[in-house]
Amino acid sequence: MEGATTQSAPFEPTRVSFYDNGQCIGASPIHTYHPDLGILSQAYVSWVPAGVGTHTFTARQGSSSVSWTVTVSAAAAGSTPAVQPAQPACDAAQTGSAGF
């Protein structure tokens, strides 16, 4: 899974924290790529679903956030389960704003 796209200003936190159903998945610094092409910044984490069903994701930068929902189906019989990779911990509540 890849994360949210956001605009960042110097006074805003420079990391985005990602949550699955309220549980921290991990955090990522904001990376800026090709502003001349309209791609201002990106933050991302890897995610392996812990179970089937509905998952509500939230990406939070400071006091701003965006959420989306996905539905996970069961893996094919006999598949090897993937393991959630270790990632940086989510940030504590911060102040600021972001243009998600």
PDB file of N, CA and C in Angstrom:
ATOM      1  N   MET A   1       0.841  -1.155   0.000  1.00  0.00           N
ATOM      2  CA  MET A   1       0.000   0.000   0.000  1.00  0.00           C
ATOM      3  C   MET A   1       0.892   1.224   0.000  1.00  0.00           C
ATOM      4  N   GLU A   2       0.529   2.211  -0.761  1.00  0.00           N
ATOM      5  CA  GLU A   2       1.256   3.466  -0.731  1.00  0.00           C
ATOM      6  C   GLU A   2       0.384   4.512  -0.072  1.00  0.00           C
ATOM      7  N   GLY A   3       1.037   5.575   0.394  1.00  0.00           N
ATOM      8  CA  GLY A   3       0.363   6.553   1.218  1.00  0.00           C
ATOM      9  C   GLY A   3      -0.256   7.713   0.494  1.00  0.00           C
ATOM     10  N   ALA A   4      -0.418   8.776   1.229  1.00  0.00           N
ATOM     11  CA  ALA A   4      -1.125   9.961   0.778  1.00  0.00           C
ATOM     12  C   ALA A   4      -0.166  10.957   0.161  1.00  0.00           C
ATOM     13  N   THR A   5      -0.695  11.808  -0.692  1.00  0.00           N
ATOM     14  CA  THR A   5       0.077  12.897  -1.260  1.00  0.00           C
ATOM     15  C   THR A   5      -0.333  14.173  -0.554  1.00  0.00           C
ATOM     16  N   THR A   6       0.624  15.000  -0.227  1.00  0.00           N
ATOM     17  CA  THR A   6       0.344  16.203   0.546  1.00  0.00           C
ATOM     18  C   THR A   6       1.271  17.331   0.132  1.00  0.00           C
ATOM     19  N   GLN A   7       0.881  18.555   0.409  1.00  0.00           N
ATOM     20  CA  GLN A   7       1.753  19.705   0.233  1.00  0.00           C
ATOM     21  C   GLN A   7       2.325  20.035   1.596  1.00  0.00           C
ATOM     22  N   SER A   8       3.559  20.468   1.636  1.00  0.00           N
ATOM     23  CA  SER A   8       4.202  20.736   2.914  1.00  0.00           C
ATOM     24  C   SER A   8       4.800  22.130   2.903  1.00  0.00           C
ATOM     25  N   ALA A   9       4.645  22.838   4.004  1.00  0.00           N
ATOM     26  CA  ALA A   9       5.248  24.149   4.182  1.00  0.00           C
ATOM     27  C   ALA A   9       6.275  24.046   5.292  1.00  0.00           C
ATOM     28  N   PRO A  10       7.213  24.988   5.394  1.00  0.00           N
ATOM     29  CA  PRO A  10       8.292  24.866   6.385  1.00  0.00           C
ATOM     30  C   PRO A  10       7.832  24.722   7.834  1.00  0.00           C
ATOM     31  N   PHE A  11       6.678  25.265   8.200  1.00  0.00           N
ATOM     32  CA  PHE A  11       6.233  25.197   9.592  1.00  0.00           C
ATOM     33  C   PHE A  11       5.461  23.925   9.917  1.00  0.00           C
ATOM     34  N   GLU A  12       5.214  23.085   8.951  1.00  0.00           N
ATOM     35  CA  GLU A  12       4.439  21.877   9.176  1.00  0.00           C
ATOM     36  C   GLU A  12       5.349  20.707   9.536  1.00  0.00           C
ATOM     37  N   PRO A  13       4.831  19.718  10.253  1.00  0.00           N
ATOM     38  CA  PRO A  13       5.617  18.522  10.534  1.00  0.00           C
ATOM     39  C   PRO A  13       6.092  17.894   9.229  1.00  0.00           C
ATOM     40  N   THR A  14       7.250  17.305   9.248  1.00  0.00           N
ATOM     41  CA  THR A  14       7.830  16.763   8.025  1.00  0.00           C
ATOM     42  C   THR A  14       7.665  15.250   7.915  1.00  0.00           C
ATOM     43  N   ARG A  15       6.754  14.684   8.710  1.00  0.00           N
ATOM     44  CA  ARG A  15       6.464  13.248   8.660  1.00  0.00           C
ATOM     45  C   ARG A  15       4.960  13.042   8.618  1.00  0.00           C
ATOM     46  N   VAL A  16       4.572  11.913   8.048  1.00  0.00           N
ATOM     47  CA  VAL A  16       3.174  11.505   8.027  1.00  0.00           C
ATOM     48  C   VAL A  16       3.082  10.174   8.770  1.00  0.00           C
ATOM     49  N   SER A  17       2.121  10.062   9.684  1.00  0.00           N
ATOM     50  CA  SER A  17       1.879   8.813  10.407  1.00  0.00           C
ATOM     51  C   SER A  17       0.677   8.117   9.776  1.00  0.00           C
ATOM     52  N   PHE A  18       0.755   6.786   9.649  1.00  0.00           N
ATOM     53  CA  PHE A  18      -0.304   6.001   9.016  1.00  0.00           C
ATOM     54  C   PHE A  18      -0.908   5.037  10.030  1.00  0.00           C
ATOM     55  N   TYR A  19      -2.240   4.909  10.007  1.00  0.00           N
ATOM     56  CA  TYR A  19      -2.972   4.060  10.948  1.00  0.00           C
ATOM     57  C   TYR A  19      -3.940   3.156  10.194  1.00  0.00           C
ATOM     58  N   ASP A  20      -4.103   1.926  10.693  1.00  0.00           N
ATOM     59  CA  ASP A  20      -5.079   0.961  10.183  1.00  0.00           C
ATOM     60  C   ASP A  20      -6.044   0.695  11.325  1.00  0.00           C
ATOM     61  N   ASN A  21      -7.304   1.100  11.149  1.00  0.00           N
ATOM     62  CA  ASN A  21      -8.323   0.958  12.199  1.00  0.00           C
ATOM     63  C   ASN A  21      -7.825   1.510  13.531  1.00  0.00           C
ATOM     64  N   GLY A  22      -7.127   2.646  13.481  1.00  0.00           N
ATOM     65  CA  GLY A  22      -6.661   3.321  14.684  1.00  0.00           C
ATOM     66  C   GLY A  22      -5.332   2.822  15.230  1.00  0.00           C
ATOM     67  N   GLN A  23      -4.787   1.740  14.678  1.00  0.00           N
ATOM     68  CA  GLN A  23      -3.512   1.200  15.142  1.00  0.00           C
ATOM     69  C   GLN A  23      -2.387   1.698  14.234  1.00  0.00           C
ATOM     70  N   CYS A  24      -1.293   2.124  14.831  1.00  0.00           N
ATOM     71  CA  CYS A  24      -0.159   2.633  14.069  1.00  0.00           C
ATOM     72  C   CYS A  24       0.406   1.562  13.136  1.00  0.00           C
ATOM     73  N   ILE A  25       0.560   1.911  11.857  1.00  0.00           N
ATOM     74  CA  ILE A  25       1.261   1.058  10.893  1.00  0.00           C
ATOM     75  C   ILE A  25       2.720   1.480  10.853  1.00  0.00           C
ATOM     76  N   GLY A  26       2.940   2.801  10.849  1.00  0.00           N
ATOM     77  CA  GLY A  26       4.290   3.353  10.788  1.00  0.00           C
ATOM     78  C   GLY A  26       4.237   4.800  10.340  1.00  0.00           C
ATOM     79  N   ALA A  27       5.390   5.426  10.272  1.00  0.00           N
ATOM     80  CA  ALA A  27       5.487   6.823   9.861  1.00  0.00           C
ATOM     81  C   ALA A  27       6.554   6.943   8.787  1.00  0.00           C
ATOM     82  N   SER A  28       6.444   8.011   8.023  1.00  0.00           N
ATOM     83  CA  SER A  28       7.385   8.221   6.925  1.00  0.00           C
ATOM     84  C   SER A  28       7.707   9.698   6.807  1.00  0.00           C
ATOM     85  N   PRO A  29       8.967  10.016   6.497  1.00  0.00           N
ATOM     86  CA  PRO A  29       9.271  11.409   6.169  1.00  0.00           C
ATOM     87  C   PRO A  29       8.587  11.757   4.852  1.00  0.00           C
ATOM     88  N   ILE A  30       8.380  13.028   4.626  1.00  0.00           N
ATOM     89  CA  ILE A  30       7.796  13.490   3.377  1.00  0.00           C
ATOM     90  C   ILE A  30       8.923  13.677   2.370  1.00  0.00           C
ATOM     91  N   HIS A  31       8.789  13.059   1.209  1.00  0.00           N
ATOM     92  CA  HIS A  31       9.777  13.137   0.141  1.00  0.00           C
ATOM     93  C   HIS A  31       9.207  14.002  -0.970  1.00  0.00           C
ATOM     94  N   THR A  32       9.971  14.956  -1.460  1.00  0.00           N
ATOM     95  CA  THR A  32       9.519  15.821  -2.545  1.00  0.00           C
ATOM     96  C   THR A  32      10.099  15.331  -3.866  1.00  0.00           C
ATOM     97  N   TYR A  33       9.235  15.200  -4.856  1.00  0.00           N
ATOM     98  CA  TYR A  33       9.629  14.720  -6.176  1.00  0.00           C
ATOM     99  C   TYR A  33       9.062  15.625  -7.266  1.00  0.00           C
ATOM    100  N   HIS A  34       9.829  16.025  -8.187  1.00  0.00           N
ATOM    101  CA  HIS A  34       9.438  16.717  -9.415  1.00  0.00           C
ATOM    102  C   HIS A  34       8.345  17.772  -9.248  1.00  0.00           C
ATOM    103  N   PRO A  35       8.580  18.816  -8.455  1.00  0.00           N
ATOM    104  CA  PRO A  35       7.552  19.843  -8.310  1.00  0.00           C
ATOM    105  C   PRO A  35       7.154  20.463  -9.651  1.00  0.00           C
ATOM    106  N   ASP A  36       8.075  20.481 -10.621  1.00  0.00           N
ATOM    107  CA  ASP A  36       7.759  21.029 -11.939  1.00  0.00           C
ATOM    108  C   ASP A  36       6.704  20.194 -12.672  1.00  0.00           C
ATOM    109  N   LEU A  37       6.509  18.951 -12.258  1.00  0.00           N
ATOM    110  CA  LEU A  37       5.496  18.085 -12.859  1.00  0.00           C
ATOM    111  C   LEU A  37       4.206  18.048 -12.041  1.00  0.00           C
ATOM    112  N   GLY A  38       4.140  18.841 -10.978  1.00  0.00           N
ATOM    113  CA  GLY A  38       2.940  18.862 -10.149  1.00  0.00           C
ATOM    114  C   GLY A  38       2.922  17.819  -9.050  1.00  0.00           C
ATOM    115  N   ILE A  39       3.985  17.037  -8.905  1.00  0.00           N
ATOM    116  CA  ILE A  39       4.076  16.057  -7.823  1.00  0.00           C
ATOM    117  C   ILE A  39       4.862  16.735  -6.713  1.00  0.00           C
ATOM    118  N   LEU A  40       4.155  17.251  -5.715  1.00  0.00           N
ATOM    119  CA  LEU A  40       4.806  18.062  -4.716  1.00  0.00           C
ATOM    120  C   LEU A  40       5.499  17.250  -3.632  1.00  0.00           C
ATOM    121  N   SER A  41       4.811  16.280  -3.054  1.00  0.00           N
ATOM    122  CA  SER A  41       5.436  15.494  -1.999  1.00  0.00           C
ATOM    123  C   SER A  41       4.689  14.188  -1.805  1.00  0.00           C
ATOM    124  N   GLN A  42       5.378  13.243  -1.155  1.00  0.00           N
ATOM    125  CA  GLN A  42       4.806  11.917  -0.958  1.00  0.00           C
ATOM    126  C   GLN A  42       5.369  11.316   0.317  1.00  0.00           C
ATOM    127  N   ALA A  43       4.533  10.603   1.044  1.00  0.00           N
ATOM    128  CA  ALA A  43       4.960   9.828   2.210  1.00  0.00           C
ATOM    129  C   ALA A  43       4.320   8.446   2.066  1.00  0.00           C
ATOM    130  N   TYR A  44       5.004   7.407   2.524  1.00  0.00           N
ATOM    131  CA  TYR A  44       4.469   6.065   2.331  1.00  0.00           C
ATOM    132  C   TYR A  44       5.015   5.097   3.374  1.00  0.00           C
ATOM    133  N   VAL A  45       4.257   4.040   3.598  1.00  0.00           N
ATOM    134  CA  VAL A  45       4.683   2.915   4.433  1.00  0.00           C
ATOM    135  C   VAL A  45       4.246   1.631   3.740  1.00  0.00           C
ATOM    136  N   SER A  46       4.840   0.524   4.135  1.00  0.00           N
ATOM    137  CA  SER A  46       4.405  -0.793   3.652  1.00  0.00           C
ATOM    138  C   SER A  46       3.356  -1.322   4.612  1.00  0.00           C
ATOM    139  N   TRP A  47       2.403  -2.073   4.076  1.00  0.00           N
ATOM    140  CA  TRP A  47       1.336  -2.606   4.917  1.00  0.00           C
ATOM    141  C   TRP A  47       0.992  -4.012   4.474  1.00  0.00           C
ATOM    142  N   VAL A  48       0.903  -4.907   5.443  1.00  0.00           N
ATOM    143  CA  VAL A  48       0.440  -6.269   5.218  1.00  0.00           C
ATOM    144  C   VAL A  48      -0.792  -6.441   6.096  1.00  0.00           C
ATOM    145  N   PRO A  49      -1.957  -6.754   5.513  1.00  0.00           N
ATOM    146  CA  PRO A  49      -3.169  -6.875   6.331  1.00  0.00           C
ATOM    147  C   PRO A  49      -3.050  -7.986   7.368  1.00  0.00           C
ATOM    148  N   ALA A  50      -3.494  -7.677   8.576  1.00  0.00           N
ATOM    149  CA  ALA A  50      -3.471  -8.658   9.667  1.00  0.00           C
ATOM    150  C   ALA A  50      -4.684  -9.581   9.607  1.00  0.00           C
ATOM    151  N   GLY A  51      -5.691  -9.207   8.840  1.00  0.00           N
ATOM    152  CA  GLY A  51      -6.883 -10.036   8.749  1.00  0.00           C
ATOM    153  C   GLY A  51      -7.782  -9.563   7.624  1.00  0.00           C
ATOM    154  N   VAL A  52      -8.777 -10.373   7.313  1.00  0.00           N
ATOM    155  CA  VAL A  52      -9.733 -10.027   6.270  1.00  0.00           C
ATOM    156  C   VAL A  52     -10.748  -9.035   6.823  1.00  0.00           C
ATOM    157  N   GLY A  53     -11.471  -8.387   5.915  1.00  0.00           N
ATOM    158  CA  GLY A  53     -12.520  -7.461   6.319  1.00  0.00           C
ATOM    159  C   GLY A  53     -12.186  -6.029   5.953  1.00  0.00           C
ATOM    160  N   THR A  54     -12.921  -5.104   6.547  1.00  0.00           N
ATOM    161  CA  THR A  54     -12.786  -3.686   6.253  1.00  0.00           C
ATOM    162  C   THR A  54     -11.685  -3.067   7.087  1.00  0.00           C
ATOM    163  N   HIS A  55     -10.845  -2.287   6.434  1.00  0.00           N
ATOM    164  CA  HIS A  55      -9.756  -1.567   7.094  1.00  0.00           C
ATOM    165  C   HIS A  55      -9.890  -0.090   6.740  1.00  0.00           C
ATOM    166  N   THR A  56      -9.946   0.759   7.752  1.00  0.00           N
ATOM    167  CA  THR A  56      -9.977   2.202   7.537  1.00  0.00           C
ATOM    168  C   THR A  56      -8.592   2.741   7.827  1.00  0.00           C
ATOM    169  N   PHE A  57      -7.988   3.336   6.811  1.00  0.00           N
ATOM    170  CA  PHE A  57      -6.656   3.906   6.927  1.00  0.00           C
ATOM    171  C   PHE A  57      -6.755   5.394   7.173  1.00  0.00           C
ATOM    172  N   THR A  58      -5.836   5.896   7.966  1.00  0.00           N
ATOM    173  CA  THR A  58      -5.729   7.335   8.195  1.00  0.00           C
ATOM    174  C   THR A  58      -4.270   7.724   8.039  1.00  0.00           C
ATOM    175  N   ALA A  59      -4.050   8.797   7.279  1.00  0.00           N
ATOM    176  CA  ALA A  59      -2.725   9.410   7.158  1.00  0.00           C
ATOM    177  C   ALA A  59      -2.824  10.743   7.886  1.00  0.00           C
ATOM    178  N   ARG A  60      -1.949  10.962   8.855  1.00  0.00           N
ATOM    179  CA  ARG A  60      -2.019  12.172   9.682  1.00  0.00           C
ATOM    180  C   ARG A  60      -0.695  12.916   9.633  1.00  0.00           C
ATOM    181  N   GLN A  61      -0.785  14.220   9.338  1.00  0.00           N
ATOM    182  CA  GLN A  61       0.363  15.119   9.384  1.00  0.00           C
ATOM    183  C   GLN A  61      -0.043  16.269  10.284  1.00  0.00           C
ATOM    184  N   GLY A  62       0.550  16.329  11.472  1.00  0.00           N
ATOM    185  CA  GLY A  62       0.154  17.369  12.422  1.00  0.00           C
ATOM    186  C   GLY A  62      -1.307  17.194  12.791  1.00  0.00           C
ATOM    187  N   SER A  63      -2.097  18.264  12.669  1.00  0.00           N
ATOM    188  CA  SER A  63      -3.513  18.193  13.029  1.00  0.00           C
ATOM    189  C   SER A  63      -4.401  17.886  11.824  1.00  0.00           C
ATOM    190  N   SER A  64      -3.826  17.666  10.651  1.00  0.00           N
ATOM    191  CA  SER A  64      -4.600  17.342   9.451  1.00  0.00           C
ATOM    192  C   SER A  64      -4.533  15.853   9.177  1.00  0.00           C
ATOM    193  N   SER A  65      -5.611  15.316   8.622  1.00  0.00           N
ATOM    194  CA  SER A  65      -5.618  13.898   8.290  1.00  0.00           C
ATOM    195  C   SER A  65      -6.550  13.639   7.113  1.00  0.00           C
ATOM    196  N   VAL A  66      -6.362  12.497   6.503  1.00  0.00           N
ATOM    197  CA  VAL A  66      -7.230  12.008   5.440  1.00  0.00           C
ATOM    198  C   VAL A  66      -7.408  10.511   5.683  1.00  0.00           C
ATOM    199  N   SER A  67      -8.622   9.994   5.422  1.00  0.00           N
ATOM    200  CA  SER A  67      -8.902   8.571   5.642  1.00  0.00           C
ATOM    201  C   SER A  67      -9.496   7.953   4.392  1.00  0.00           C
ATOM    202  N   TRP A  68      -9.316   6.645   4.242  1.00  0.00           N
ATOM    203  CA  TRP A  68      -9.919   5.889   3.165  1.00  0.00           C
ATOM    204  C   TRP A  68     -10.118   4.468   3.659  1.00  0.00           C
ATOM    205  N   THR A  69     -11.006   3.722   2.992  1.00  0.00           N
ATOM    206  CA  THR A  69     -11.355   2.375   3.432  1.00  0.00           C
ATOM    207  C   THR A  69     -11.092   1.377   2.317  1.00  0.00           C
ATOM    208  N   VAL A  70     -10.573   0.207   2.696  1.00  0.00           N
ATOM    209  CA  VAL A  70     -10.375  -0.901   1.761  1.00  0.00           C
ATOM    210  C   VAL A  70     -10.956  -2.164   2.387  1.00  0.00           C
ATOM    211  N   THR A  71     -11.294  -3.123   1.541  1.00  0.00           N
ATOM    212  CA  THR A  71     -11.774  -4.413   2.017  1.00  0.00           C
ATOM    213  C   THR A  71     -10.771  -5.478   1.598  1.00  0.00           C
ATOM    214  N   VAL A  72     -10.317  -6.271   2.565  1.00  0.00           N
ATOM    215  CA  VAL A  72      -9.320  -7.312   2.333  1.00  0.00           C
ATOM    216  C   VAL A  72     -10.028  -8.656   2.255  1.00  0.00           C
ATOM    217  N   SER A  73      -9.734  -9.407   1.197  1.00  0.00           N
ATOM    218  CA  SER A  73     -10.277 -10.754   1.018  1.00  0.00           C
ATOM    219  C   SER A  73      -9.260 -11.777   1.511  1.00  0.00           C
ATOM    220  N   ALA A  74      -9.717 -12.990   1.748  1.00  0.00           N
ATOM    221  CA  ALA A  74      -8.832 -14.068   2.201  1.00  0.00           C
ATOM    222  C   ALA A  74      -7.830 -14.417   1.097  1.00  0.00           C
ATOM    223  N   ALA A  75      -6.614 -14.780   1.508  1.00  0.00           N
ATOM    224  CA  ALA A  75      -5.583 -15.215   0.561  1.00  0.00           C
ATOM    225  C   ALA A  75      -5.944 -16.590   0.026  1.00  0.00           C
ATOM    226  N   ALA A  76      -5.392 -16.918  -1.108  1.00  0.00           N
ATOM    227  CA  ALA A  76      -5.633 -18.234  -1.704  1.00  0.00           C
ATOM    228  C   ALA A  76      -5.107 -19.330  -0.784  1.00  0.00           C
ATOM    229  N   ALA A  77      -5.797 -20.443  -0.768  1.00  0.00           N
ATOM    230  CA  ALA A  77      -5.375 -21.583   0.050  1.00  0.00           C
ATOM    231  C   ALA A  77      -3.955 -21.992  -0.316  1.00  0.00           C
ATOM    232  N   GLY A  78      -3.139 -22.233   0.696  1.00  0.00           N
ATOM    233  CA  GLY A  78      -1.774 -22.672   0.485  1.00  0.00           C
ATOM    234  C   GLY A  78      -0.769 -21.546   0.288  1.00  0.00           C
ATOM    235  N   SER A  79      -1.232 -20.261   0.270  1.00  0.00           N
ATOM    236  CA  SER A  79      -0.265 -19.163   0.108  1.00  0.00           C
ATOM    237  C   SER A  79       0.535 -18.966   1.378  1.00  0.00           C
ATOM    238  N   THR A  80       1.709 -18.415   1.199  1.00  0.00           N
ATOM    239  CA  THR A  80       2.584 -18.122   2.325  1.00  0.00           C
ATOM    240  C   THR A  80       2.235 -16.739   2.873  1.00  0.00           C
ATOM    241  N   PRO A  81       1.912 -16.650   4.146  1.00  0.00           N
ATOM    242  CA  PRO A  81       1.552 -15.343   4.697  1.00  0.00           C
ATOM    243  C   PRO A  81       2.742 -14.378   4.703  1.00  0.00           C
ATOM    244  N   ALA A  82       2.476 -13.147   4.338  1.00  0.00           N
ATOM    245  CA  ALA A  82       3.497 -12.098   4.397  1.00  0.00           C
ATOM    246  C   ALA A  82       3.583 -11.575   5.824  1.00  0.00           C
ATOM    247  N   VAL A  83       4.712 -10.988   6.152  1.00  0.00           N
ATOM    248  CA  VAL A  83       4.940 -10.451   7.493  1.00  0.00           C
ATOM    249  C   VAL A  83       5.041  -8.931   7.404  1.00  0.00           C
ATOM    250  N   GLN A  84       4.377  -8.237   8.317  1.00  0.00           N
ATOM    251  CA  GLN A  84       4.446  -6.777   8.357  1.00  0.00           C
ATOM    252  C   GLN A  84       5.885  -6.360   8.663  1.00  0.00           C
ATOM    253  N   PRO A  85       6.500  -5.536   7.796  1.00  0.00           N
ATOM    254  CA  PRO A  85       7.877  -5.100   8.058  1.00  0.00           C
ATOM    255  C   PRO A  85       7.930  -4.094   9.213  1.00  0.00           C
ATOM    256  N   ALA A  86       9.046  -4.047   9.906  1.00  0.00           N
ATOM    257  CA  ALA A  86       9.253  -3.047  10.956  1.00  0.00           C
ATOM    258  C   ALA A  86       9.385  -1.680  10.288  1.00  0.00           C
ATOM    259  N   GLN A  87       8.749  -0.680  10.880  1.00  0.00           N
ATOM    260  CA  GLN A  87       8.772   0.679  10.340  1.00  0.00           C
ATOM    261  C   GLN A  87       8.860   1.676  11.486  1.00  0.00           C
ATOM    262  N   PRO A  88       9.232   2.925  11.204  1.00  0.00           N
ATOM    263  CA  PRO A  88       9.303   3.923  12.275  1.00  0.00           C
ATOM    264  C   PRO A  88       7.948   4.096  12.963  1.00  0.00           C
ATOM    265  N   ALA A  89       7.975   4.354  14.249  1.00  0.00           N
ATOM    266  CA  ALA A  89       6.749   4.540  15.027  1.00  0.00           C
ATOM    267  C   ALA A  89       6.001   5.798  14.596  1.00  0.00           C
ATOM    268  N   CYS A  90       4.703   5.792  14.810  1.00  0.00           N
ATOM    269  CA  CYS A  90       3.885   6.960  14.513  1.00  0.00           C
ATOM    270  C   CYS A  90       4.258   8.110  15.420  1.00  0.00           C
ATOM    271  N   ASP A  91       4.069   9.321  14.919  1.00  0.00           N
ATOM    272  CA  ASP A  91       4.379  10.521  15.681  1.00  0.00           C
ATOM    273  C   ASP A  91       3.290  10.801  16.714  1.00  0.00           C
ATOM    274  N   ALA A  92       3.668  11.464  17.781  1.00  0.00           N
ATOM    275  CA  ALA A  92       2.691  11.934  18.769  1.00  0.00           C
ATOM    276  C   ALA A  92       1.871  13.035  18.126  1.00  0.00           C
ATOM    277  N   ALA A  93       0.749  13.386  18.726  1.00  0.00           N
ATOM    278  CA  ALA A  93      -0.104  14.446  18.203  1.00  0.00           C
ATOM    279  C   ALA A  93       0.710  15.719  18.041  1.00  0.00           C
ATOM    280  N   GLN A  94       0.537  16.363  16.891  1.00  0.00           N
ATOM    281  CA  GLN A  94       1.270  17.582  16.593  1.00  0.00           C
ATOM    282  C   GLN A  94       0.290  18.646  16.147  1.00  0.00           C
ATOM    283  N   THR A  95       0.757  19.867  16.049  1.00  0.00           N
ATOM    284  CA  THR A  95      -0.079  20.922  15.514  1.00  0.00           C
ATOM    285  C   THR A  95       0.490  21.366  14.180  1.00  0.00           C
ATOM    286  N   GLY A  96      -0.336  22.002  13.397  1.00  0.00           N
ATOM    287  CA  GLY A  96       0.050  22.446  12.072  1.00  0.00           C
ATOM    288  C   GLY A  96      -1.057  22.124  11.111  1.00  0.00           C
ATOM    289  N   SER A  97      -0.836  22.349   9.829  1.00  0.00           N
ATOM    290  CA  SER A  97      -1.861  22.010   8.850  1.00  0.00           C
ATOM    291  C   SER A  97      -1.186  21.494   7.599  1.00  0.00           C
ATOM    292  N   ALA A  98      -1.957  20.784   6.801  1.00  0.00           N
ATOM    293  CA  ALA A  98      -1.422  20.230   5.571  1.00  0.00           C
ATOM    294  C   ALA A  98      -2.486  20.290   4.509  1.00  0.00           C
ATOM    295  N   GLY A  99      -2.085  20.350   3.262  1.00  0.00           N
ATOM    296  CA  GLY A  99      -3.024  20.342   2.157  1.00  0.00           C
ATOM    297  C   GLY A  99      -3.154  18.949   1.587  1.00  0.00           C
ATOM    298  N   PHE A 100      -3.837  18.035   2.296  1.00  0.00           N
ATOM    299  CA  PHE A 100      -4.013  16.684   1.794  1.00  0.00           C
ATOM    300  C   PHE A 100      -4.923  16.705   0.602  1.00  0.00           C
TER     301      PHE A 100
END
